[in-house]
Amino acid sequence: MTPALQLQAVLRRSDFTLNVDIAFPAQGITALFGPSGSGKTTALRVLAGLEPQARGRVVVRGEVWQDSVHGIFRPAHQRALGYVFQEASLFEHLNVQDNLMYGFKRTPVAQRRHAWDHTLAVLGIGQLLARWPRELSGGERQRVAIARALAASPRLLLLDEPLAALDATRKAEILPYLERLQAELDMPVIYVSHAIDEVARLADRLVLLDAGKVTAHGSTAALLTQLDLPLAHGDTAGAVLSVTVIGHNPDDHLSTTGFSGGQLIVPQQAAVVGQTLRIRVQARDVSLTLHKQNGTSILNILSATVIALSPDGPGQVIVALDAGGCSLLARVTTRSAQALGLAPGLALYAQIKGVAILG
C-alpha cells in the first residue's frame, strides 16, 4: 500500500547532513525523536518547503510537492499543511475567532476538510472565541494555534515541540486534546519532541533520528522495549500497553483492566467498561521473582518469560520480558540478575509497583 506521506531528503550544511527516507501512514501521530541536533526540526522544515536547497522528494497522498530530479518545488504557501511551533504565534490584534477565521475564510468551500464546529469541539476552544491572545493561558494558546492550523484544511499537520514552552500543569491541560487529534484527524500528524513521556502517550509510530539519519522506525510500543536502542535504557525506560477496562471497584477507587498478558489493577478511571486505555509501565517499577508471592502489597503480578538482558550502567541490568505476547521491561541490579539466574527463556513473575495511565 502506498504511504500517505513520503519524505526523501538530503540536505548538506557545513557541519551537518540530513539524509532520510521515511514513509508515514495516512492517519495518527508519528513522532520524530532524537537528541538536539539530530535533524528533527530540519526534516519538518523540508516537509514544509522551508529548505529549497534540499534534494529529494516530498509526496502527500500521491501529490508531488517536491522532486528535485524533475525540477518540482512548491514553496511553503502552496503546500496544504499546518505548522505549529513551540511558541503559539497568534495574531495579537485579532481575537480567537478572527485568528481561526483567517485561515478558514481563505480556504475555498470545496477544499474544506474540517467543519468549523468539529475543530472547536476536538480542541475544546468554543468558549474561547471572544478572548484575545493575551487573555489565554499557554495551553489555551497552543490549542488555538493548532485549531488555526486546522482551519485551513491542511493535508498534513506538523507539530514542532508544541509543549516545550509549557510547564507541567499546562502540558497536562493540553495533552488530552492532542490525543484526540490522533483518533479524529484523517491526515498524517508529524510530532517533533525530545520528551519520551509525550512520545509514549501520543505517538502511534516512532522515527528515531541521530546525526541526520534514521536509526530505527516502527510502532512506538515495539521500539520502546527494543534493547539495542537507547530508549530501552536508563531511568526513563518503560513499556506502553493497550488495556481494556473490565470493571470498577468504587469502594477501593480502583479499576480492573485486561490485556493478553493478564489483568492490571489501576487507579479508578472514568472510562466505561470495554474502553481501551493506554498505560506506561516504567522499568524501574517492575521487580522480578521466581515464585509468585503472597502477602505482598503489590497488586499487579504477571507471569512472564525473559527474552533478553542488557547491561544498563554500573551495577544495573535491563531485562526484556514477554507477558502474553506483550513486551515489558524490568530494571534490576546485576547482583539480583545473577542471584535469580536470569537468562532468556526463564519463566518468572513480574511484580508491577506502579502504572501510569496515558489515556
Protein backbone atom coordinates (compact mmCIF):
# COMPACT_ATOMS: atom_id res chain seq x y z
CA MET A 1 0.00 0.00 0.00
CA THR A 2 1.34 3.41 -0.95
CA PRO A 3 2.05 5.53 2.16
CA ALA A 4 0.15 8.79 2.61
CA LEU A 5 3.37 10.78 3.03
CA GLN A 6 6.84 10.16 1.67
CA LEU A 7 9.92 12.14 2.59
CA GLN A 8 13.21 11.51 0.81
CA ALA A 9 15.68 14.29 1.51
CA VAL A 10 19.37 15.10 1.50
CA LEU A 11 20.34 18.48 2.89
CA ARG A 12 24.01 19.29 3.39
CA ARG A 13 25.31 22.03 5.64
CA SER A 14 28.81 22.82 6.77
CA ASP A 15 28.56 20.80 9.99
CA PHE A 16 25.53 18.60 9.41
CA THR A 17 23.86 16.45 6.75
CA LEU A 18 20.24 15.34 6.78
CA ASN A 19 19.83 12.11 4.80
CA VAL A 20 16.45 10.45 5.37
CA ASP A 21 13.94 8.27 3.55
CA ILE A 22 10.74 7.99 5.60
CA ALA A 23 7.21 6.80 4.79
CA PHE A 24 4.39 7.93 7.06
CA PRO A 25 0.91 6.39 7.49
CA ALA A 26 -2.29 8.15 6.45
CA GLN A 27 -3.56 8.74 9.97
CA GLY A 28 -2.32 9.01 13.53
CA ILE A 29 0.67 10.70 15.12
CA THR A 30 4.22 9.80 14.10
CA ALA A 31 6.90 11.20 16.40
CA LEU A 32 10.35 12.26 15.25
CA PHE A 33 12.54 11.66 18.28
CA GLY A 34 16.22 12.16 18.95
CA PRO A 35 18.79 14.35 20.68
CA SER A 36 19.25 18.02 19.90
CA GLY A 37 20.87 18.42 16.51
CA SER A 38 19.64 15.05 15.22
CA GLY A 39 17.64 16.62 12.38
CA LYS A 40 14.07 16.53 13.71
CA THR A 41 13.14 20.15 13.01
CA THR A 42 15.16 20.18 9.78
CA ALA A 43 13.08 17.26 8.50
CA LEU A 44 9.91 19.19 9.34
CA ARG A 45 11.23 22.25 7.52
CA VAL A 46 11.89 20.16 4.40
CA LEU A 47 8.31 18.87 4.52
CA ALA A 48 7.08 22.44 4.87
CA GLY A 49 9.02 23.73 1.89
CA LEU A 50 11.28 25.92 4.01
CA GLU A 51 14.51 24.30 2.79
CA PRO A 52 14.52 24.79 -1.01
CA GLN A 53 18.13 23.63 -1.26
CA ALA A 54 17.18 20.13 -0.05
CA ARG A 55 17.43 17.41 -2.68
CA GLY A 56 14.82 14.65 -2.82
CA ARG A 57 11.06 14.12 -2.91
CA VAL A 58 8.04 15.05 -0.82
CA VAL A 59 4.80 13.32 -1.84
CA VAL A 60 1.49 13.75 0.03
CA ARG A 61 -1.34 11.36 -0.92
CA GLY A 62 0.09 10.98 -4.40
CA GLU A 63 0.57 14.72 -4.90
CA VAL A 64 4.19 15.68 -5.56
CA TRP A 65 5.20 18.74 -3.57
CA GLN A 66 8.90 18.41 -4.27
CA ASP A 67 11.01 16.41 -6.69
CA SER A 68 14.49 17.73 -7.31
CA VAL A 69 15.12 15.30 -10.20
CA HIS A 70 12.17 16.70 -12.16
CA GLY A 71 12.57 20.30 -11.00
CA ILE A 72 9.38 20.37 -8.92
CA PHE A 73 9.28 22.57 -5.84
CA ARG A 74 6.19 24.01 -4.23
CA PRO A 75 7.02 26.84 -1.82
CA ALA A 76 5.56 26.73 1.68
CA HIS A 77 2.50 28.85 0.88
CA GLN A 78 1.48 26.39 -1.85
CA ARG A 79 1.67 23.31 0.38
CA ALA A 80 -1.57 22.33 2.09
CA LEU A 81 -0.11 21.93 5.55
CA GLY A 82 -0.43 23.29 9.05
CA TYR A 83 2.68 24.09 11.07
CA VAL A 84 2.62 24.72 14.84
CA PHE A 85 5.80 25.85 16.61
CA GLN A 86 6.94 25.86 20.25
CA GLU A 87 5.53 29.35 20.65
CA ALA A 88 1.95 29.94 19.54
CA SER A 89 2.42 32.82 17.11
CA LEU A 90 -1.14 34.10 17.19
CA PHE A 91 -2.19 37.40 15.70
CA GLU A 92 -2.26 39.56 18.83
CA HIS A 93 -4.53 42.18 17.21
CA LEU A 94 -7.24 39.56 16.50
CA ASN A 95 -9.41 37.68 18.96
CA VAL A 96 -9.54 33.88 18.91
CA GLN A 97 -12.42 33.65 16.44
CA ASP A 98 -10.75 36.02 13.99
CA ASN A 99 -7.45 34.12 14.33
CA LEU A 100 -9.28 30.96 13.31
CA MET A 101 -11.26 32.62 10.54
CA TYR A 102 -8.05 33.93 9.00
CA GLY A 103 -7.30 30.50 7.53
CA PHE A 104 -10.86 29.23 7.31
CA LYS A 105 -12.11 32.04 5.06
CA ARG A 106 -9.12 31.68 2.75
CA THR A 107 -9.87 28.04 2.04
CA PRO A 108 -12.36 27.50 -0.82
CA VAL A 109 -15.53 25.77 0.33
CA ALA A 110 -14.84 22.78 -1.91
CA GLN A 111 -11.44 22.27 -0.24
CA ARG A 112 -12.61 22.47 3.36
CA ARG A 113 -11.94 19.13 5.01
CA HIS A 114 -12.82 20.07 8.59
CA ALA A 115 -16.10 21.61 9.66
CA TRP A 116 -15.80 24.72 11.81
CA ASP A 117 -17.68 23.17 14.74
CA HIS A 118 -15.66 19.96 14.56
CA THR A 119 -12.35 21.74 15.04
CA LEU A 120 -13.74 23.70 18.00
CA ALA A 121 -15.02 20.50 19.60
CA VAL A 122 -11.84 18.45 19.11
CA LEU A 123 -9.70 21.14 20.76
CA GLY A 124 -12.27 22.35 23.28
CA ILE A 125 -11.97 26.05 22.44
CA GLY A 126 -15.58 27.00 21.69
CA GLN A 127 -15.74 29.05 24.89
CA LEU A 128 -12.57 30.98 23.99
CA LEU A 129 -13.73 32.58 20.73
CA ALA A 130 -14.27 36.07 22.14
CA ARG A 131 -10.98 36.20 24.04
CA TRP A 132 -7.79 37.93 22.96
CA PRO A 133 -4.49 36.04 22.78
CA ARG A 134 -3.13 37.96 25.80
CA GLU A 135 -6.02 36.56 27.88
CA LEU A 136 -5.15 32.92 27.17
CA SER A 137 -3.02 30.51 29.18
CA GLY A 138 -0.08 28.86 27.48
CA GLY A 139 -2.05 25.66 26.93
CA GLU A 140 -5.03 27.56 25.54
CA ARG A 141 -2.76 29.49 23.16
CA GLN A 142 -1.34 26.25 21.78
CA ARG A 143 -4.79 24.75 21.33
CA VAL A 144 -5.85 27.84 19.42
CA ALA A 145 -2.67 27.69 17.33
CA ILE A 146 -3.42 24.07 16.38
CA ALA A 147 -7.05 24.97 15.61
CA ARG A 148 -5.89 27.83 13.40
CA ALA A 149 -3.62 25.44 11.51
CA LEU A 150 -6.53 23.02 11.04
CA ALA A 151 -8.93 25.79 9.97
CA ALA A 152 -7.16 25.98 6.61
CA SER A 153 -7.99 22.27 5.98
CA PRO A 154 -4.40 21.04 5.58
CA ARG A 155 -3.48 17.62 4.26
CA LEU A 156 -0.59 17.39 6.70
CA LEU A 157 -0.09 18.73 10.24
CA LEU A 158 3.39 19.44 11.60
CA LEU A 159 3.88 19.98 15.35
CA ASP A 160 7.36 21.15 16.36
CA GLU A 161 7.70 20.60 20.12
CA PRO A 162 4.37 22.28 20.85
CA LEU A 163 4.64 21.57 24.60
CA ALA A 164 8.28 22.59 25.09
CA ALA A 165 7.43 26.08 26.37
CA LEU A 166 4.73 24.89 28.80
CA ASP A 167 5.03 23.99 32.46
CA ALA A 168 3.79 20.65 33.78
CA THR A 169 0.30 21.98 34.57
CA ARG A 170 -0.22 23.42 31.08
CA LYS A 171 1.14 20.26 29.48
CA ALA A 172 -1.38 18.19 31.42
CA GLU A 173 -4.08 20.58 30.21
CA ILE A 174 -3.33 20.18 26.50
CA LEU A 175 -2.29 16.51 26.25
CA PRO A 176 -5.85 15.10 26.18
CA TYR A 177 -6.66 17.35 23.22
CA LEU A 178 -3.58 16.18 21.35
CA GLU A 179 -4.70 12.60 21.95
CA ARG A 180 -8.00 13.39 20.25
CA LEU A 181 -6.09 14.57 17.19
CA GLN A 182 -4.61 11.08 16.93
CA ALA A 183 -8.05 9.48 16.77
CA GLU A 184 -10.07 12.02 14.81
CA LEU A 185 -7.88 13.58 12.12
CA ASP A 186 -7.79 11.90 8.73
CA MET A 187 -4.28 13.07 7.93
CA PRO A 188 -0.68 12.39 8.92
CA VAL A 189 0.43 14.29 12.03
CA ILE A 190 4.20 14.60 12.46
CA TYR A 191 5.19 15.42 16.03
CA VAL A 192 8.71 16.51 16.98
CA SER A 193 9.71 16.05 20.61
CA HIS A 194 12.65 15.24 22.84
CA ALA A 195 10.35 14.24 25.76
CA ILE A 196 9.86 10.49 25.87
CA ASP A 197 6.75 10.76 28.08
CA GLU A 198 4.99 12.81 25.38
CA VAL A 199 6.03 10.36 22.69
CA ALA A 200 4.86 7.35 24.71
CA ARG A 201 1.50 8.97 25.32
CA LEU A 202 0.75 10.42 21.90
CA ALA A 203 2.56 8.63 19.10
CA ASP A 204 1.40 5.50 17.29
CA ARG A 205 4.67 5.31 15.41
CA LEU A 206 8.17 6.48 16.10
CA VAL A 207 11.09 7.53 13.92
CA LEU A 208 14.43 7.76 15.73
CA LEU A 209 16.93 10.23 14.31
CA ASP A 210 20.59 10.66 15.13
CA ALA A 211 23.12 12.86 13.29
CA GLY A 212 20.67 13.41 10.43
CA LYS A 213 19.93 9.73 9.79
CA VAL A 214 17.09 7.37 10.68
CA THR A 215 18.36 4.79 13.17
CA ALA A 216 15.05 2.98 13.70
CA HIS A 217 11.36 3.30 12.89
CA GLY A 218 8.25 1.34 13.78
CA SER A 219 5.48 1.16 16.34
CA THR A 220 6.15 3.15 19.50
CA ALA A 221 5.38 0.18 21.75
CA ALA A 222 7.91 -2.01 19.93
CA LEU A 223 10.76 0.50 19.80
CA LEU A 224 10.44 1.49 23.46
CA THR A 225 11.34 -2.06 24.53
CA GLN A 226 13.99 -2.87 21.92
CA LEU A 227 17.18 -3.43 23.89
CA ASP A 228 19.56 -2.38 21.12
CA LEU A 229 18.04 1.12 21.15
CA PRO A 230 18.78 3.84 23.72
CA LEU A 231 15.06 4.28 24.54
CA ALA A 232 15.09 0.97 26.41
CA HIS A 233 17.84 2.08 28.78
CA GLY A 234 18.24 4.46 31.66
CA ASP A 235 15.86 5.65 34.33
CA THR A 236 13.11 6.58 31.86
CA ALA A 237 12.93 3.16 30.17
CA GLY A 238 9.48 1.63 30.09
CA ALA A 239 6.81 -0.17 28.09
CA VAL A 240 3.48 1.00 26.69
CA LEU A 241 0.50 -1.36 26.81
CA SER A 242 -3.05 -1.12 25.48
CA VAL A 243 -5.52 -2.48 28.02
CA THR A 244 -9.31 -2.80 28.11
CA VAL A 245 -11.41 -1.74 31.08
CA ILE A 246 -13.08 -4.80 32.61
CA GLY A 247 -14.74 -3.28 35.67
CA HIS A 248 -14.59 -0.80 38.54
CA ASN A 249 -14.43 -1.12 42.32
CA PRO A 250 -15.63 2.24 43.67
CA ASP A 251 -15.03 1.19 47.30
CA ASP A 252 -11.31 0.80 46.61
CA HIS A 253 -11.17 3.56 43.97
CA LEU A 254 -9.63 1.05 41.57
CA SER A 255 -10.39 -0.21 38.07
CA THR A 256 -9.56 -3.61 36.62
CA THR A 257 -8.17 -3.78 33.09
CA GLY A 258 -7.20 -6.69 30.90
CA PHE A 259 -4.78 -7.47 28.09
CA SER A 260 -3.28 -10.58 26.55
CA GLY A 261 -0.84 -10.94 29.44
CA GLY A 262 -3.47 -10.93 32.19
CA GLN A 263 -5.09 -8.26 34.30
CA LEU A 264 -3.83 -4.98 35.73
CA ILE A 265 -5.45 -3.06 38.56
CA VAL A 266 -5.11 0.70 38.11
CA PRO A 267 -6.38 3.83 39.89
CA GLN A 268 -10.10 4.24 39.26
CA GLN A 269 -10.87 5.56 35.78
CA ALA A 270 -13.85 7.40 34.36
CA ALA A 271 -13.62 5.12 31.33
CA VAL A 272 -16.55 2.82 30.59
CA VAL A 273 -16.28 -0.96 30.55
CA GLY A 274 -14.86 -2.05 27.21
CA GLN A 275 -12.94 1.18 26.65
CA THR A 276 -9.28 0.94 25.72
CA LEU A 277 -6.65 2.71 27.82
CA ARG A 278 -3.00 3.28 27.08
CA ILE A 279 -0.72 2.74 30.05
CA ARG A 280 3.00 3.03 30.66
CA VAL A 281 4.94 0.71 32.95
CA GLN A 282 8.36 2.06 33.91
CA ALA A 283 11.17 -0.48 34.03
CA ARG A 284 12.20 0.82 37.45
CA ASP A 285 8.71 -0.07 38.76
CA VAL A 286 9.00 -3.76 37.83
CA SER A 287 10.64 -6.28 40.17
CA LEU A 288 11.16 -9.96 39.40
CA THR A 289 10.58 -13.10 41.39
CA LEU A 290 10.87 -16.80 40.55
CA HIS A 291 7.84 -17.71 42.65
CA LYS A 292 4.51 -15.93 42.92
CA GLN A 293 4.46 -14.00 46.17
CA ASN A 294 1.70 -13.96 48.77
CA GLY A 295 1.26 -11.39 51.49
CA THR A 296 2.52 -8.50 49.38
CA SER A 297 1.15 -5.00 48.88
CA ILE A 298 1.84 -5.23 45.14
CA LEU A 299 -1.47 -5.74 43.33
CA ASN A 300 -0.19 -6.49 39.85
CA ILE A 301 1.80 -9.70 39.40
CA LEU A 302 2.09 -11.14 35.89
CA SER A 303 3.52 -14.36 34.52
CA ALA A 304 6.36 -13.54 32.16
CA THR A 305 9.30 -15.01 30.30
CA VAL A 306 12.75 -13.48 29.97
CA ILE A 307 13.51 -12.58 26.36
CA ALA A 308 16.90 -10.86 26.68
CA LEU A 309 19.15 -8.95 29.06
CA SER A 310 21.40 -5.96 28.51
CA PRO A 311 23.79 -4.04 30.79
CA ASP A 312 22.40 -0.66 31.83
CA GLY A 313 25.06 1.31 33.59
CA PRO A 314 27.14 0.39 36.64
CA GLY A 315 25.56 -2.47 38.54
CA GLN A 316 22.27 -2.41 36.56
CA VAL A 317 20.65 -4.69 34.00
CA ILE A 318 17.63 -4.13 31.75
CA VAL A 319 15.55 -7.26 31.29
CA ALA A 320 13.18 -7.62 28.33
CA LEU A 321 10.12 -9.71 29.17
CA ASP A 322 7.25 -11.29 27.29
CA ALA A 323 3.92 -11.22 29.10
CA GLY A 324 1.31 -12.95 26.98
CA GLY A 325 2.70 -11.55 23.76
CA CYS A 326 3.24 -8.05 25.15
CA SER A 327 6.65 -6.60 25.95
CA LEU A 328 7.69 -5.34 29.38
CA LEU A 329 10.99 -4.10 30.76
CA ALA A 330 12.45 -4.54 34.24
CA ARG A 331 15.48 -2.69 35.61
CA VAL A 332 17.25 -4.72 38.29
CA THR A 333 20.69 -4.84 39.83
CA THR A 334 23.34 -7.06 38.34
CA ARG A 335 23.53 -8.88 41.67
CA SER A 336 19.79 -9.64 41.54
CA ALA A 337 20.05 -10.85 37.96
CA GLN A 338 22.82 -13.25 38.96
CA ALA A 339 21.03 -14.43 42.11
CA LEU A 340 17.85 -15.18 40.14
CA GLY A 341 19.77 -16.85 37.33
CA LEU A 342 18.11 -14.62 34.76
CA ALA A 343 18.56 -15.92 31.22
CA PRO A 344 16.49 -15.98 28.03
CA GLY A 345 13.63 -18.47 28.31
CA LEU A 346 13.37 -18.34 32.10
CA ALA A 347 9.76 -18.25 33.36
CA LEU A 348 9.13 -15.94 36.32
CA TYR A 349 6.78 -13.31 37.69
CA ALA A 350 6.87 -9.57 37.08
CA GLN A 351 5.70 -7.51 40.05
CA ILE A 352 4.49 -4.10 38.89
CA LYS A 353 4.68 -1.43 41.57
CA GLY A 354 3.29 1.44 39.53
CA VAL A 355 1.22 2.05 36.40
CA ALA A 356 0.88 5.40 34.63
CA ILE A 357 -2.36 5.98 32.75
CA LEU A 358 -1.54 7.70 29.47
CA GLY A 359 -5.02 8.00 28.00
